C-alpha atoms as a PDB file:
ATOM      1  CA  UNK A   1     232.199 120.924 190.768  1.00  0.00           C
ATOM      2  CA  UNK A   2     229.291 123.232 191.590  1.00  0.00           C
ATOM      3  CA  UNK A   3     230.641 125.998 189.357  1.00  0.00           C
ATOM      4  CA  UNK A   4     231.023 123.577 186.430  1.00  0.00           C
ATOM      5  CA  UNK A   5     227.522 122.280 187.084  1.00  0.00           C
ATOM      6  CA  UNK A   6     226.195 125.889 187.171  1.00  0.00           C
ATOM      7  CA  UNK A   7     227.946 126.732 183.881  1.00  0.00           C
ATOM      8  CA  UNK A   8     226.511 123.634 182.227  1.00  0.00           C
ATOM      9  CA  UNK A   9     223.060 124.442 183.623  1.00  0.00           C
ATOM     10  CA  UNK A  10     223.280 128.002 182.269  1.00  0.00           C
ATOM     11  CA  UNK A  11     224.396 126.716 178.851  1.00  0.00           C
ATOM     12  CA  UNK A  12     221.544 124.204 178.755  1.00  0.00           C
ATOM     13  CA  UNK A  13     219.074 126.932 179.744  1.00  0.00           C
ATOM     14  CA  UNK A  14     220.422 129.233 177.036  1.00  0.00           C
ATOM     15  CA  UNK A  15     220.189 126.454 174.438  1.00  0.00           C
ATOM     16  CA  UNK A  16     216.651 125.666 175.576  1.00  0.00           C
ATOM     17  CA  UNK A  17     215.657 129.328 175.249  1.00  0.00           C
ATOM     18  CA  UNK A  18     217.217 129.503 171.793  1.00  0.00           C
ATOM     19  CA  UNK A  19     215.452 126.336 170.645  1.00  0.00           C
ATOM     20  CA  UNK A  20     212.146 127.530 172.105  1.00  0.00           C
ATOM     21  CA  UNK A  21     212.487 130.790 170.156  1.00  0.00           C
ATOM     22  CA  UNK A  22     213.376 128.861 167.017  1.00  0.00           C
ATOM     23  CA  UNK A  23     210.383 126.563 167.487  1.00  0.00           C
ATOM     24  CA  UNK A  24     208.042 129.544 167.984  1.00  0.00           C
ATOM     25  CA  UNK A  25     209.433 131.131 164.818  1.00  0.00           C
ATOM     26  CA  UNK A  26     208.882 127.912 162.872  1.00  0.00           C
ATOM     27  CA  UNK A  27     205.305 127.666 164.129  1.00  0.00           C
ATOM     28  CA  UNK A  28     204.632 131.251 163.048  1.00  0.00           C
ATOM     29  CA  UNK A  29     206.226 130.656 159.645  1.00  0.00           C
ATOM     30  CA  UNK A  30     204.222 127.467 159.197  1.00  0.00           C
ATOM     31  CA  UNK A  31     200.971 129.300 159.987  1.00  0.00           C
ATOM     32  CA  UNK A  32     201.839 132.053 157.500  1.00  0.00           C
ATOM     33  CA  UNK A  33     202.680 129.482 154.818  1.00  0.00           C
ATOM     34  CA  UNK A  34     199.354 127.696 155.381  1.00  0.00           C
ATOM     35  CA  UNK A  35     197.559 131.038 155.149  1.00  0.00           C
ATOM     36  CA  UNK A  36     199.353 131.930 151.896  1.00  0.00           C
ATOM     37  CA  UNK A  37     198.617 128.498 150.425  1.00  0.00           C
ATOM     38  CA  UNK A  38     194.932 129.003 151.233  1.00  0.00           C
ATOM     39  CA  UNK A  39     194.982 132.425 149.554  1.00  0.00           C
ATOM     40  CA  UNK A  40     196.777 130.990 146.521  1.00  0.00           C
ATOM     41  CA  UNK A  41     194.267 128.137 146.267  1.00  0.00           C
ATOM     42  CA  UNK A  42     191.409 130.645 146.365  1.00  0.00           C
ATOM     43  CA  UNK A  43     193.084 132.684 143.635  1.00  0.00           C
ATOM     44  CA  UNK A  44     193.591 129.603 141.450  1.00  0.00           C
ATOM     45  CA  UNK A  45     189.910 128.647 141.948  1.00  0.00           C
ATOM     46  CA  UNK A  46     188.835 132.157 140.946  1.00  0.00           C
ATOM     47  CA  UNK A  47     191.031 132.128 137.830  1.00  0.00           C
ATOM     48  CA  UNK A  48     189.706 128.674 136.936  1.00  0.00           C
ATOM     49  CA  UNK A  49     186.097 129.858 137.211  1.00  0.00           C
ATOM     50  CA  UNK A  50     186.841 132.960 135.131  1.00  0.00           C
ATOM     51  CA  UNK A  51     188.535 130.910 132.394  1.00  0.00           C
ATOM     52  CA  UNK A  52     185.670 128.437 132.412  1.00  0.00           C
ATOM     53  CA  UNK A  53     183.185 131.290 132.059  1.00  0.00           C
ATOM     54  CA  UNK A  54     185.175 132.868 129.224  1.00  0.00           C
ATOM     55  CA  UNK A  55     185.405 129.540 127.378  1.00  0.00           C
ATOM     56  CA  UNK A  56     181.660 128.969 127.742  1.00  0.00           C
ATOM     57  CA  UNK A  57     180.993 132.495 126.468  1.00  0.00           C
ATOM     58  CA  UNK A  58     183.335 132.003 123.530  1.00  0.00           C
ATOM     59  CA  UNK A  59     181.721 128.659 122.733  1.00  0.00           C
ATOM     60  CA  UNK A  60     178.312 130.347 122.684  1.00  0.00           C
ATOM     61  CA  UNK A  61     179.576 133.083 120.361  1.00  0.00           C
ATOM     62  CA  UNK A  62     181.157 130.548 118.019  1.00  0.00           C
ATOM     63  CA  UNK A  63     177.953 128.486 117.920  1.00  0.00           C
ATOM     64  CA  UNK A  64     175.941 131.632 117.183  1.00  0.00           C
ATOM     65  CA  UNK A  65     178.169 132.641 114.284  1.00  0.00           C
ATOM     66  CA  UNK A  66     178.328 129.044 113.078  1.00  0.00           C
ATOM     67  CA  UNK A  67     174.524 128.959 112.893  1.00  0.00           C
ATOM     68  CA  UNK A  68     174.427 132.335 111.149  1.00  0.00           C
ATOM     69  CA  UNK A  69     176.959 131.117 108.599  1.00  0.00           C
ATOM     70  CA  UNK A  70     175.034 127.886 108.073  1.00  0.00           C
ATOM     71  CA  UNK A  71     171.752 129.806 107.659  1.00  0.00           C
ATOM     72  CA  UNK A  72     173.423 132.065 105.100  1.00  0.00           C
ATOM     73  CA  UNK A  73     174.733 129.061 103.160  1.00  0.00           C
ATOM     74  CA  UNK A  74     171.302 127.394 103.252  1.00  0.00           C
ATOM     75  CA  UNK A  75     169.631 130.550 101.941  1.00  0.00           C
ATOM     76  CA  UNK A  76     172.269 130.818  99.232  1.00  0.00           C
ATOM     77  CA  UNK A  77     171.687 127.187  98.236  1.00  0.00           C
ATOM     78  CA  UNK A  78     167.900 127.682  98.290  1.00  0.00           C
ATOM     79  CA  UNK A  79     168.106 130.762  96.051  1.00  0.00           C
ATOM     80  CA  UNK A  80     170.456 129.071  93.556  1.00  0.00           C
ATOM     81  CA  UNK A  81     168.220 125.988  93.494  1.00  0.00           C
ATOM     82  CA  UNK A  82     165.204 128.207  92.775  1.00  0.00           C
ATOM     83  CA  UNK A  83     166.988 130.002  89.937  1.00  0.00           C
ATOM     84  CA  UNK A  84     168.157 126.678  88.448  1.00  0.00           C
ATOM     85  CA  UNK A  85     164.580 125.349  88.218  1.00  0.00           C
ATOM     86  CA  UNK A  86     163.174 128.541  86.772  1.00  0.00           C
END
């Protein structure tokens, strides 16, 4: 009876050690995953800010050229109106 009890005790100890190692590995993996998610979130935020900046810059350029084009059309209309009245 004692030898069977000792064998069972050894098996339980071995299982406990295995599960403890598995649990430690899962905790480490979980920490690494959280760290990677944080890095990914930072990267996404950076990309978002860069895209936002590029869009704002492009919008400014388009407005500038839109105004230039409108000024050119206005000058063209003014000069043709002046030549029509003369």
